[in-house]
């Protein structure tokens, strides 16, 4: 008698390890670049400093871009600040600790300058993407007794006004010089605002 025993089978193990992530963080920064010249055109001082984009400014940016609300640009208007302050994300045009510097004219009128932004440009994707937009420089001609300038701010949106000391509109950003700057009558102060989004 013959006994035949047979044993067979298959065994397979398949594993998949995936940890694919696409970094999609984005940072938005802004800078004020300010140059003061005397009446003869000589540079008295120059400084570039970062800004704080306040909460209501960020909300306006995201609501108009992502929520899709009807929006047309009013302003943006760029003003000067006449006292030291601590920038706060909760600042608004109606509630902040700085006072507006008003001893100047723009184009012969005592109004805030209008920031006119160029179309944005991008560096591409290597090594990172940087998209930038810069406003044309605004020239403020110092009048009266001049005074000390401590920083700059940008206001826009519904209700924004070029009227000096107006508290209407949405405060977008504010920034402070590292050291307060002195101006005298006849000086010109040129301010350029630029912003970048980096990923």
N, C-alpha and C. Protein backbone atom coordinates (compact mmCIF):
# COMPACT_ATOMS: atom_id res chain seq x y z
N UNK A 1 0.84 -1.16 0.00
CA UNK A 1 0.00 0.00 0.00
C UNK A 1 0.89 1.23 0.00
N UNK A 2 0.49 2.19 -0.79
CA UNK A 2 1.28 3.40 -0.94
C UNK A 2 0.51 4.59 -0.36
N UNK A 3 1.17 5.31 0.53
CA UNK A 3 0.56 6.54 1.06
C UNK A 3 1.26 7.74 0.44
N UNK A 4 0.49 8.59 -0.15
CA UNK A 4 1.04 9.82 -0.73
C UNK A 4 0.53 11.02 0.07
N UNK A 5 1.44 11.78 0.55
CA UNK A 5 1.09 13.00 1.30
C UNK A 5 1.57 14.21 0.50
N UNK A 6 0.72 15.16 0.43
CA UNK A 6 1.07 16.36 -0.33
C UNK A 6 0.68 17.59 0.48
N UNK A 7 1.56 18.61 0.50
CA UNK A 7 1.28 19.85 1.24
C UNK A 7 1.77 21.01 0.40
N UNK A 8 0.89 21.91 0.10
CA UNK A 8 1.30 23.08 -0.69
C UNK A 8 0.45 24.28 -0.28
N UNK A 9 0.94 25.44 -0.63
CA UNK A 9 0.20 26.66 -0.32
C UNK A 9 0.97 27.89 -0.77
N UNK A 10 0.31 29.00 -0.70
CA UNK A 10 0.93 30.29 -1.06
C UNK A 10 0.90 31.21 0.14
N UNK A 11 1.91 32.01 0.23
CA UNK A 11 1.96 33.03 1.29
C UNK A 11 2.48 34.32 0.69
N UNK A 12 1.72 35.34 0.79
CA UNK A 12 2.13 36.63 0.23
C UNK A 12 1.92 37.73 1.25
N UNK A 13 2.88 38.64 1.32
CA UNK A 13 2.77 39.80 2.20
C UNK A 13 2.98 41.05 1.35
N UNK A 14 2.03 41.95 1.41
CA UNK A 14 2.16 43.21 0.67
C UNK A 14 2.07 44.36 1.67
N UNK A 15 3.01 45.28 1.61
CA UNK A 15 2.98 46.43 2.50
C UNK A 15 3.09 47.70 1.67
N UNK A 16 2.46 48.74 2.17
CA UNK A 16 2.54 50.04 1.51
C UNK A 16 2.77 51.07 2.59
N UNK A 17 3.83 51.81 2.43
CA UNK A 17 4.12 52.88 3.37
C UNK A 17 4.16 54.17 2.58
N UNK A 18 3.23 55.02 2.86
CA UNK A 18 3.16 56.29 2.14
C UNK A 18 3.10 57.43 3.13
N UNK A 19 3.94 58.35 2.94
CA UNK A 19 3.93 59.54 3.77
C UNK A 19 4.16 60.75 2.87
N UNK A 20 3.40 60.78 1.80
CA UNK A 20 3.58 61.86 0.83
C UNK A 20 2.85 63.10 1.31
N UNK A 21 3.58 64.18 1.48
CA UNK A 21 2.96 65.44 1.87
C UNK A 21 3.39 66.52 0.91
N UNK A 22 2.51 67.43 0.70
CA UNK A 22 2.82 68.58 -0.14
C UNK A 22 2.80 69.81 0.76
N UNK A 23 3.94 70.41 1.01
CA UNK A 23 3.96 71.59 1.88
C UNK A 23 3.18 72.73 1.23
N UNK A 24 2.23 73.26 1.94
CA UNK A 24 1.38 74.29 1.35
C UNK A 24 1.24 75.47 2.30
N UNK A 25 2.27 75.70 3.10
CA UNK A 25 2.24 76.86 3.96
C UNK A 25 2.49 78.12 3.16
N UNK A 26 1.99 79.23 3.64
CA UNK A 26 2.23 80.50 2.96
C UNK A 26 2.40 81.60 3.98
N UNK A 27 3.41 82.41 3.78
CA UNK A 27 3.60 83.56 4.64
C UNK A 27 3.45 84.84 3.84
N UNK A 28 2.81 85.86 4.43
CA UNK A 28 2.64 87.15 3.77
C UNK A 28 3.39 88.19 4.59
N UNK A 29 4.27 88.92 3.93
CA UNK A 29 5.06 89.95 4.60
C UNK A 29 4.91 91.27 3.85
N UNK A 30 5.06 92.34 4.58
CA UNK A 30 5.06 93.66 3.95
C UNK A 30 6.20 94.50 4.48
N UNK A 31 6.64 95.46 3.67
CA UNK A 31 7.75 96.32 4.05
C UNK A 31 7.47 97.76 3.61
N UNK A 32 7.83 98.69 4.48
CA UNK A 32 7.82 100.11 4.12
C UNK A 32 9.27 100.52 3.87
N UNK A 33 9.52 101.15 2.75
CA UNK A 33 10.85 101.71 2.44
C UNK A 33 10.68 103.22 2.35
N UNK A 34 11.39 103.95 3.22
CA UNK A 34 11.18 105.39 3.34
C UNK A 34 12.51 106.13 3.16
N UNK A 35 12.48 107.16 2.31
CA UNK A 35 13.67 107.99 2.07
C UNK A 35 13.29 109.45 2.27
N UNK A 36 14.03 110.15 3.12
CA UNK A 36 13.81 111.58 3.34
C UNK A 36 14.94 112.38 2.71
N UNK A 37 14.56 113.38 1.93
CA UNK A 37 15.54 114.29 1.31
C UNK A 37 15.26 115.72 1.77
N UNK A 38 16.32 116.52 1.88
CA UNK A 38 16.14 117.92 2.22
C UNK A 38 15.72 118.69 0.98
N UNK A 39 15.51 119.99 1.13
CA UNK A 39 15.02 120.82 0.03
C UNK A 39 15.97 120.83 -1.16
N UNK A 40 17.25 120.53 -0.93
CA UNK A 40 18.24 120.50 -2.02
C UNK A 40 18.35 119.12 -2.65
N UNK A 41 17.60 118.16 -2.16
CA UNK A 41 17.62 116.82 -2.73
C UNK A 41 18.60 115.86 -2.10
N UNK A 42 19.28 116.29 -1.06
CA UNK A 42 20.24 115.42 -0.37
C UNK A 42 19.52 114.46 0.58
N UNK A 43 19.95 113.21 0.62
CA UNK A 43 19.32 112.24 1.51
C UNK A 43 19.67 112.56 2.97
N UNK A 44 18.64 112.73 3.80
CA UNK A 44 18.83 112.97 5.23
C UNK A 44 18.82 111.66 6.01
N UNK A 45 17.92 110.78 5.64
CA UNK A 45 17.83 109.46 6.27
C UNK A 45 17.04 108.52 5.37
N UNK A 46 17.25 107.23 5.62
CA UNK A 46 16.58 106.19 4.83
C UNK A 46 16.42 104.96 5.70
N UNK A 47 15.26 104.32 5.61
CA UNK A 47 15.06 103.09 6.39
C UNK A 47 14.00 102.21 5.73
N UNK A 48 14.19 100.91 5.86
CA UNK A 48 13.19 99.93 5.45
C UNK A 48 12.81 99.14 6.68
N UNK A 49 11.51 98.96 6.90
CA UNK A 49 11.09 98.26 8.11
C UNK A 49 9.83 97.44 7.83
N UNK A 50 9.66 96.34 8.57
CA UNK A 50 8.50 95.47 8.34
C UNK A 50 7.24 96.06 8.93
N UNK A 51 6.11 95.51 8.51
CA UNK A 51 4.82 95.94 9.03
C UNK A 51 4.13 94.79 9.75
N UNK A 52 3.08 95.14 10.47
CA UNK A 52 2.17 94.15 11.03
C UNK A 52 0.86 94.26 10.26
N UNK A 53 0.44 93.16 9.61
CA UNK A 53 -0.88 93.13 8.99
C UNK A 53 -1.84 92.75 10.11
N UNK A 54 -2.74 93.68 10.45
CA UNK A 54 -3.62 93.48 11.61
C UNK A 54 -4.76 92.52 11.26
N UNK A 55 -5.49 92.08 12.29
CA UNK A 55 -6.53 91.07 12.11
C UNK A 55 -7.60 91.50 11.11
N UNK A 56 -8.09 92.74 11.22
CA UNK A 56 -9.15 93.17 10.30
C UNK A 56 -8.64 93.28 8.87
N UNK A 57 -7.34 93.56 8.71
CA UNK A 57 -6.75 93.58 7.37
C UNK A 57 -6.71 92.20 6.75
N UNK A 58 -6.33 91.20 7.55
CA UNK A 58 -6.31 89.82 7.07
C UNK A 58 -7.72 89.34 6.74
N UNK A 59 -8.68 89.71 7.58
CA UNK A 59 -10.06 89.30 7.32
C UNK A 59 -10.57 89.90 6.00
N UNK A 60 -10.26 91.16 5.76
CA UNK A 60 -10.68 91.80 4.50
C UNK A 60 -10.05 91.10 3.32
N UNK A 61 -8.76 90.76 3.42
CA UNK A 61 -8.05 90.10 2.33
C UNK A 61 -8.68 88.75 2.02
N UNK A 62 -8.93 87.94 3.04
CA UNK A 62 -9.48 86.60 2.81
C UNK A 62 -10.95 86.63 2.42
N UNK A 63 -11.72 87.52 3.03
CA UNK A 63 -13.14 87.59 2.69
C UNK A 63 -13.36 88.00 1.23
N UNK A 64 -12.59 88.98 0.77
CA UNK A 64 -12.79 89.43 -0.60
C UNK A 64 -12.24 88.44 -1.61
N UNK A 65 -11.18 87.72 -1.26
CA UNK A 65 -10.58 86.77 -2.19
C UNK A 65 -11.31 85.43 -2.18
N UNK A 66 -11.58 84.89 -1.00
CA UNK A 66 -12.11 83.53 -0.90
C UNK A 66 -13.63 83.47 -0.73
N UNK A 67 -14.19 84.39 0.01
CA UNK A 67 -15.63 84.36 0.22
C UNK A 67 -16.38 84.80 -1.03
N UNK A 68 -15.73 85.66 -1.83
CA UNK A 68 -16.31 86.06 -3.10
C UNK A 68 -17.29 87.21 -3.01
N UNK A 69 -17.15 88.04 -1.98
CA UNK A 69 -18.04 89.18 -1.85
C UNK A 69 -17.69 90.25 -2.89
N UNK A 70 -18.69 91.02 -3.25
CA UNK A 70 -18.46 92.10 -4.21
C UNK A 70 -17.54 93.13 -3.56
N UNK A 71 -16.52 93.53 -4.29
CA UNK A 71 -15.54 94.43 -3.68
C UNK A 71 -14.84 95.24 -4.75
N UNK A 72 -14.74 96.52 -4.52
CA UNK A 72 -13.92 97.36 -5.37
C UNK A 72 -12.97 98.11 -4.46
N UNK A 73 -11.77 98.33 -4.93
CA UNK A 73 -10.73 98.91 -4.07
C UNK A 73 -11.02 100.38 -3.82
N UNK A 74 -11.10 100.75 -2.56
CA UNK A 74 -11.14 102.15 -2.15
C UNK A 74 -9.82 102.42 -1.47
N UNK A 75 -9.06 103.32 -2.05
CA UNK A 75 -7.69 103.51 -1.58
C UNK A 75 -6.80 102.57 -2.38
N UNK A 76 -5.85 101.89 -1.80
CA UNK A 76 -5.43 102.06 -0.41
C UNK A 76 -4.69 103.38 -0.20
N UNK A 77 -4.86 103.93 0.98
CA UNK A 77 -4.23 105.19 1.32
C UNK A 77 -3.12 104.94 2.34
N UNK A 78 -2.01 105.63 2.16
CA UNK A 78 -0.86 105.46 3.03
C UNK A 78 -0.66 106.72 3.84
N UNK A 79 -0.62 106.56 5.16
CA UNK A 79 -0.43 107.70 6.05
C UNK A 79 0.81 107.56 6.90
N UNK A 80 1.18 108.66 7.55
CA UNK A 80 2.36 108.70 8.42
C UNK A 80 1.92 108.80 9.87
N UNK A 81 2.76 108.33 10.77
CA UNK A 81 2.43 108.25 12.20
C UNK A 81 3.34 109.18 12.99
N UNK A 82 2.77 109.88 14.00
CA UNK A 82 3.52 110.93 14.70
C UNK A 82 3.88 110.62 16.14
N UNK A 83 3.75 109.37 16.57
CA UNK A 83 4.15 109.03 17.94
C UNK A 83 4.56 107.57 18.01
N UNK A 84 5.30 107.23 19.06
CA UNK A 84 5.68 105.84 19.23
C UNK A 84 4.46 105.04 19.68
N UNK A 85 4.44 103.74 19.35
CA UNK A 85 3.30 102.90 19.71
C UNK A 85 3.74 101.45 19.68
N UNK A 86 2.91 100.60 20.23
CA UNK A 86 3.13 99.16 20.16
C UNK A 86 2.09 98.59 19.21
N UNK A 87 2.55 98.06 18.09
CA UNK A 87 1.61 97.51 17.10
C UNK A 87 0.88 96.32 17.70
N UNK A 88 -0.41 96.26 17.43
CA UNK A 88 -1.24 95.18 17.94
C UNK A 88 -2.12 94.63 16.83
N UNK A 89 -2.26 93.32 16.79
CA UNK A 89 -3.11 92.69 15.77
C UNK A 89 -4.57 93.11 15.91
N UNK A 90 -4.95 93.62 17.07
CA UNK A 90 -6.34 94.04 17.28
C UNK A 90 -6.59 95.49 16.89
N UNK A 91 -5.57 96.21 16.42
CA UNK A 91 -5.75 97.61 16.03
C UNK A 91 -6.71 97.74 14.85
N UNK A 92 -7.48 98.81 14.87
CA UNK A 92 -8.36 99.17 13.75
C UNK A 92 -8.19 100.66 13.50
N UNK A 93 -8.82 101.18 12.46
CA UNK A 93 -8.74 102.62 12.23
C UNK A 93 -9.42 103.40 13.35
N UNK A 94 -10.45 102.83 13.94
CA UNK A 94 -11.17 103.51 15.02
C UNK A 94 -10.53 103.30 16.38
N UNK A 95 -9.63 102.33 16.50
CA UNK A 95 -9.05 101.99 17.80
C UNK A 95 -7.58 101.61 17.64
N UNK A 96 -6.70 102.53 17.96
CA UNK A 96 -5.25 102.29 17.92
C UNK A 96 -4.58 103.32 18.81
N UNK A 97 -3.30 103.11 19.09
CA UNK A 97 -2.62 104.00 20.04
C UNK A 97 -1.74 105.04 19.37
N UNK A 98 -1.72 105.07 18.03
CA UNK A 98 -0.90 106.07 17.36
C UNK A 98 -1.76 107.25 16.90
N UNK A 99 -1.05 108.36 16.64
CA UNK A 99 -1.67 109.58 16.12
C UNK A 99 -1.09 109.84 14.74
N UNK A 100 -1.91 110.33 13.84
CA UNK A 100 -1.45 110.54 12.47
C UNK A 100 -0.62 111.83 12.35
N UNK A 101 0.48 111.72 11.65
CA UNK A 101 1.32 112.89 11.31
C UNK A 101 0.68 113.57 10.10
N UNK A 102 0.41 114.89 10.19
CA UNK A 102 -0.33 115.56 9.11
C UNK A 102 0.37 116.79 8.54
N UNK A 103 1.61 117.05 8.93
CA UNK A 103 2.31 118.24 8.41
C UNK A 103 2.94 117.94 7.05
N UNK A 104 2.10 117.69 6.05
CA UNK A 104 2.60 117.39 4.71
C UNK A 104 1.51 117.62 3.67
N UNK A 105 1.93 117.67 2.43
CA UNK A 105 1.02 117.64 1.29
C UNK A 105 1.48 116.56 0.34
N UNK A 106 0.54 116.05 -0.45
CA UNK A 106 0.84 115.10 -1.52
C UNK A 106 0.27 115.70 -2.80
N UNK A 107 1.13 115.98 -3.76
CA UNK A 107 0.67 116.61 -5.00
C UNK A 107 0.04 117.96 -4.78
N UNK A 108 0.46 118.67 -3.74
CA UNK A 108 -0.05 120.01 -3.46
C UNK A 108 -1.28 120.04 -2.57
N UNK A 109 -1.82 118.88 -2.20
CA UNK A 109 -3.01 118.84 -1.34
C UNK A 109 -2.69 118.14 -0.02
N UNK A 110 -3.36 118.59 1.03
CA UNK A 110 -3.14 118.00 2.35
C UNK A 110 -3.99 116.73 2.48
N UNK A 111 -3.58 115.68 1.81
CA UNK A 111 -4.30 114.40 1.82
C UNK A 111 -3.28 113.26 1.96
N UNK A 112 -3.78 112.10 2.39
CA UNK A 112 -2.95 110.90 2.40
C UNK A 112 -2.61 110.52 0.96
N UNK A 113 -1.46 109.87 0.80
CA UNK A 113 -1.08 109.40 -0.53
C UNK A 113 -1.84 108.14 -0.91
N UNK A 114 -2.12 107.97 -2.20
CA UNK A 114 -2.78 106.77 -2.70
C UNK A 114 -1.73 105.78 -3.17
N UNK A 115 -1.76 104.57 -2.62
CA UNK A 115 -0.80 103.53 -3.00
C UNK A 115 -1.32 102.83 -4.26
N UNK A 116 -0.58 102.96 -5.35
CA UNK A 116 -0.96 102.35 -6.62
C UNK A 116 -0.05 101.15 -6.85
N UNK A 117 -0.63 99.94 -6.77
CA UNK A 117 0.15 98.72 -6.86
C UNK A 117 0.27 98.24 -8.30
N UNK A 118 1.46 97.76 -8.64
CA UNK A 118 1.68 97.12 -9.94
C UNK A 118 1.14 95.70 -9.88
N UNK A 119 0.96 95.09 -11.05
CA UNK A 119 0.56 93.68 -11.08
C UNK A 119 1.64 92.85 -10.40
N UNK A 120 1.22 91.82 -9.71
CA UNK A 120 2.17 90.99 -8.98
C UNK A 120 3.04 90.18 -9.93
N UNK A 121 4.22 89.82 -9.46
CA UNK A 121 5.15 88.99 -10.21
C UNK A 121 5.57 87.82 -9.34
N UNK A 122 5.99 86.72 -9.98
CA UNK A 122 6.35 85.52 -9.24
C UNK A 122 7.72 85.02 -9.70
N UNK A 123 8.47 84.43 -8.76
CA UNK A 123 9.80 83.91 -9.08
C UNK A 123 9.75 82.50 -9.62
N UNK A 124 8.58 81.87 -9.64
CA UNK A 124 8.50 80.47 -10.05
C UNK A 124 8.50 79.58 -8.83
N UNK A 125 8.96 78.36 -8.98
CA UNK A 125 8.81 77.39 -7.88
C UNK A 125 10.12 76.85 -7.33
N UNK A 126 11.27 77.33 -7.77
CA UNK A 126 12.53 76.78 -7.29
C UNK A 126 13.40 77.88 -6.71
N UNK A 127 13.90 77.77 -5.48
CA UNK A 127 13.60 76.70 -4.53
C UNK A 127 12.27 76.92 -3.82
N UNK A 128 11.76 78.13 -3.80
CA UNK A 128 10.44 78.40 -3.24
C UNK A 128 9.78 79.46 -4.11
N UNK A 129 8.49 79.59 -3.95
CA UNK A 129 7.75 80.54 -4.75
C UNK A 129 7.60 81.84 -3.98
N UNK A 130 8.02 82.94 -4.59
CA UNK A 130 7.86 84.25 -3.98
C UNK A 130 7.09 85.12 -4.96
N UNK A 131 5.93 85.57 -4.54
CA UNK A 131 5.10 86.44 -5.36
C UNK A 131 5.07 87.81 -4.70
N UNK A 132 5.35 88.85 -5.49
CA UNK A 132 5.49 90.19 -4.92
C UNK A 132 4.63 91.21 -5.65
N UNK A 133 4.25 92.24 -4.90
CA UNK A 133 3.57 93.40 -5.50
C UNK A 133 4.07 94.64 -4.77
N UNK A 134 4.41 95.67 -5.54
CA UNK A 134 4.97 96.89 -4.97
C UNK A 134 4.20 98.09 -5.48
N UNK A 135 3.92 99.02 -4.57
CA UNK A 135 3.23 100.25 -4.94
C UNK A 135 4.26 101.28 -5.40
N UNK A 136 3.83 102.16 -6.29
CA UNK A 136 4.67 103.27 -6.71
C UNK A 136 4.97 104.15 -5.50
N UNK A 137 6.18 104.68 -5.42
CA UNK A 137 6.56 105.54 -4.30
C UNK A 137 5.65 106.76 -4.22
N UNK A 138 5.26 107.10 -3.01
CA UNK A 138 4.44 108.28 -2.75
C UNK A 138 5.33 109.33 -2.09
N UNK A 139 5.29 110.57 -2.59
CA UNK A 139 6.13 111.63 -2.05
C UNK A 139 5.31 112.58 -1.20
N UNK A 140 5.72 112.73 0.05
CA UNK A 140 5.09 113.64 1.01
C UNK A 140 6.00 114.85 1.16
N UNK A 141 5.49 116.05 0.90
CA UNK A 141 6.26 117.28 1.07
C UNK A 141 5.94 117.85 2.44
N UNK A 142 6.94 117.95 3.29
CA UNK A 142 6.74 118.38 4.68
C UNK A 142 6.45 119.87 4.73
N UNK A 143 5.45 120.23 5.51
CA UNK A 143 5.00 121.62 5.60
C UNK A 143 5.05 122.10 7.05
N UNK A 144 4.73 123.36 7.22
CA UNK A 144 4.64 123.95 8.56
C UNK A 144 5.93 123.81 9.33
N UNK A 145 5.82 123.35 10.55
CA UNK A 145 7.00 123.20 11.41
C UNK A 145 7.64 121.83 11.28
N UNK A 146 7.15 121.02 10.32
CA UNK A 146 7.70 119.67 10.19
C UNK A 146 7.33 118.84 11.40
N UNK A 147 8.27 118.02 11.85
CA UNK A 147 7.98 117.21 13.02
C UNK A 147 8.65 115.85 12.94
N UNK A 148 8.35 115.02 13.91
CA UNK A 148 8.96 113.69 14.00
C UNK A 148 8.00 112.64 13.46
N UNK A 149 8.52 111.78 12.59
CA UNK A 149 7.74 110.69 12.01
C UNK A 149 8.20 109.38 12.65
N UNK A 150 7.24 108.58 13.09
CA UNK A 150 7.55 107.33 13.79
C UNK A 150 7.26 106.09 12.97
N UNK A 151 6.42 106.21 11.95
CA UNK A 151 6.07 105.03 11.17
C UNK A 151 5.06 105.34 10.09
N UNK A 152 4.44 104.27 9.56
CA UNK A 152 3.48 104.38 8.46
C UNK A 152 2.33 103.41 8.68
N UNK A 153 1.22 103.67 7.99
CA UNK A 153 0.08 102.76 8.01
C UNK A 153 -0.60 102.76 6.65
N UNK A 154 -1.38 101.71 6.40
CA UNK A 154 -2.10 101.55 5.13
C UNK A 154 -3.56 101.26 5.45
N UNK A 155 -4.48 102.04 4.86
CA UNK A 155 -5.91 101.86 5.09
C UNK A 155 -6.61 101.72 3.74
N UNK A 156 -7.61 100.84 3.68
CA UNK A 156 -8.34 100.62 2.43
C UNK A 156 -9.72 100.10 2.73
N UNK A 157 -10.46 99.75 1.68
CA UNK A 157 -11.77 99.14 1.85
C UNK A 157 -12.89 100.15 1.95
N UNK A 158 -14.09 99.64 2.18
CA UNK A 158 -15.28 100.47 2.24
C UNK A 158 -15.13 101.56 3.29
N UNK A 159 -15.37 102.79 2.89
CA UNK A 159 -15.29 103.92 3.81
C UNK A 159 -13.91 104.53 3.94
N UNK A 160 -12.88 103.89 3.39
CA UNK A 160 -11.52 104.44 3.49
C UNK A 160 -11.47 105.82 2.84
N UNK A 161 -10.68 106.70 3.42
CA UNK A 161 -10.63 108.08 2.96
C UNK A 161 -9.20 108.58 2.88
N UNK A 162 -8.96 109.49 1.93
CA UNK A 162 -7.64 110.12 1.84
C UNK A 162 -7.53 111.29 2.81
N UNK A 163 -8.60 111.63 3.50
CA UNK A 163 -8.60 112.75 4.44
C UNK A 163 -7.70 112.45 5.63
N UNK A 164 -6.79 113.36 5.90
CA UNK A 164 -5.90 113.17 7.04
C UNK A 164 -6.70 113.06 8.33
N UNK A 165 -6.28 112.16 9.20
CA UNK A 165 -6.88 111.91 10.52
C UNK A 165 -8.25 111.22 10.46
N UNK A 166 -8.72 110.84 9.27
CA UNK A 166 -9.97 110.08 9.19
C UNK A 166 -9.79 108.72 9.86
N UNK A 167 -10.84 108.26 10.54
CA UNK A 167 -10.78 106.96 11.22
C UNK A 167 -11.68 105.93 10.52
N UNK A 168 -12.08 106.21 9.27
CA UNK A 168 -12.94 105.27 8.54
C UNK A 168 -12.09 104.33 7.69
N UNK A 169 -12.72 103.27 7.20
CA UNK A 169 -12.03 102.29 6.39
C UNK A 169 -11.44 101.18 7.24
N UNK A 170 -10.73 100.27 6.58
CA UNK A 170 -10.14 99.11 7.26
C UNK A 170 -8.62 99.28 7.32
N UNK A 171 -8.08 99.28 8.52
CA UNK A 171 -6.63 99.33 8.70
C UNK A 171 -6.06 98.01 8.19
N UNK A 172 -5.12 98.10 7.25
CA UNK A 172 -4.49 96.88 6.74
C UNK A 172 -3.18 96.59 7.45
N UNK A 173 -2.32 97.59 7.51
CA UNK A 173 -1.03 97.35 8.15
C UNK A 173 -0.51 98.61 8.82
N UNK A 174 0.43 98.40 9.72
CA UNK A 174 1.09 99.50 10.42
C UNK A 174 2.51 99.07 10.72
N UNK A 175 3.42 100.03 10.71
CA UNK A 175 4.82 99.72 10.98
C UNK A 175 5.52 100.89 11.64
N UNK A 176 6.59 100.58 12.33
CA UNK A 176 7.30 101.56 13.15
C UNK A 176 8.78 101.58 12.79
N UNK A 177 9.35 102.79 12.62
CA UNK A 177 10.78 102.93 12.42
C UNK A 177 11.54 102.34 13.61
N UNK A 178 12.78 101.92 13.37
CA UNK A 178 13.61 101.48 14.50
C UNK A 178 13.94 102.65 15.41
N UNK A 179 14.09 103.84 14.81
CA UNK A 179 14.34 105.07 15.55
C UNK A 179 13.50 106.17 14.91
N UNK A 180 12.88 107.01 15.71
CA UNK A 180 12.05 108.10 15.19
C UNK A 180 12.86 109.01 14.26
N UNK A 181 12.19 109.55 13.23
CA UNK A 181 12.87 110.36 12.21
C UNK A 181 12.37 111.81 12.25
N UNK A 182 13.31 112.74 12.19
CA UNK A 182 12.99 114.16 12.24
C UNK A 182 12.86 114.74 10.84
N UNK A 183 11.85 115.56 10.64
CA UNK A 183 11.66 116.24 9.36
C UNK A 183 11.52 117.75 9.60
N UNK A 184 11.88 118.52 8.60
CA UNK A 184 11.69 119.97 8.65
C UNK A 184 10.96 120.42 7.39
N UNK A 185 10.38 121.59 7.44
CA UNK A 185 9.62 122.12 6.31
C UNK A 185 10.47 122.14 5.05
N UNK A 186 9.91 121.66 3.95
CA UNK A 186 10.64 121.61 2.68
C UNK A 186 11.24 120.25 2.38
N UNK A 187 11.36 119.41 3.41
CA UNK A 187 11.82 118.03 3.16
C UNK A 187 10.78 117.28 2.33
N UNK A 188 11.24 116.25 1.64
CA UNK A 188 10.31 115.32 1.00
C UNK A 188 10.57 113.93 1.58
N UNK A 189 9.49 113.21 1.82
CA UNK A 189 9.58 111.85 2.36
C UNK A 189 8.90 110.94 1.35
N UNK A 190 9.68 110.06 0.73
CA UNK A 190 9.14 109.13 -0.27
C UNK A 190 8.94 107.77 0.38
N UNK A 191 7.72 107.23 0.27
CA UNK A 191 7.39 105.95 0.91
C UNK A 191 6.96 104.95 -0.16
N UNK A 192 7.59 103.79 -0.14
CA UNK A 192 7.23 102.68 -1.02
C UNK A 192 6.78 101.51 -0.16
N UNK A 193 5.62 100.95 -0.48
CA UNK A 193 5.14 99.77 0.24
C UNK A 193 5.16 98.58 -0.69
N UNK A 194 5.72 97.48 -0.20
CA UNK A 194 5.75 96.26 -1.00
C UNK A 194 5.32 95.10 -0.13
N UNK A 195 4.75 94.09 -0.76
CA UNK A 195 4.29 92.92 -0.03
C UNK A 195 4.66 91.66 -0.80
N UNK A 196 4.97 90.60 -0.07
CA UNK A 196 5.33 89.32 -0.71
C UNK A 196 4.56 88.19 -0.06
N UNK A 197 4.21 87.20 -0.87
CA UNK A 197 3.63 85.96 -0.38
C UNK A 197 4.61 84.85 -0.75
N UNK A 198 5.06 84.09 0.24
CA UNK A 198 6.09 83.09 0.04
C UNK A 198 5.59 81.71 0.42
N UNK A 199 5.86 80.70 -0.43
CA UNK A 199 5.53 79.32 -0.07
C UNK A 199 6.72 78.43 -0.36
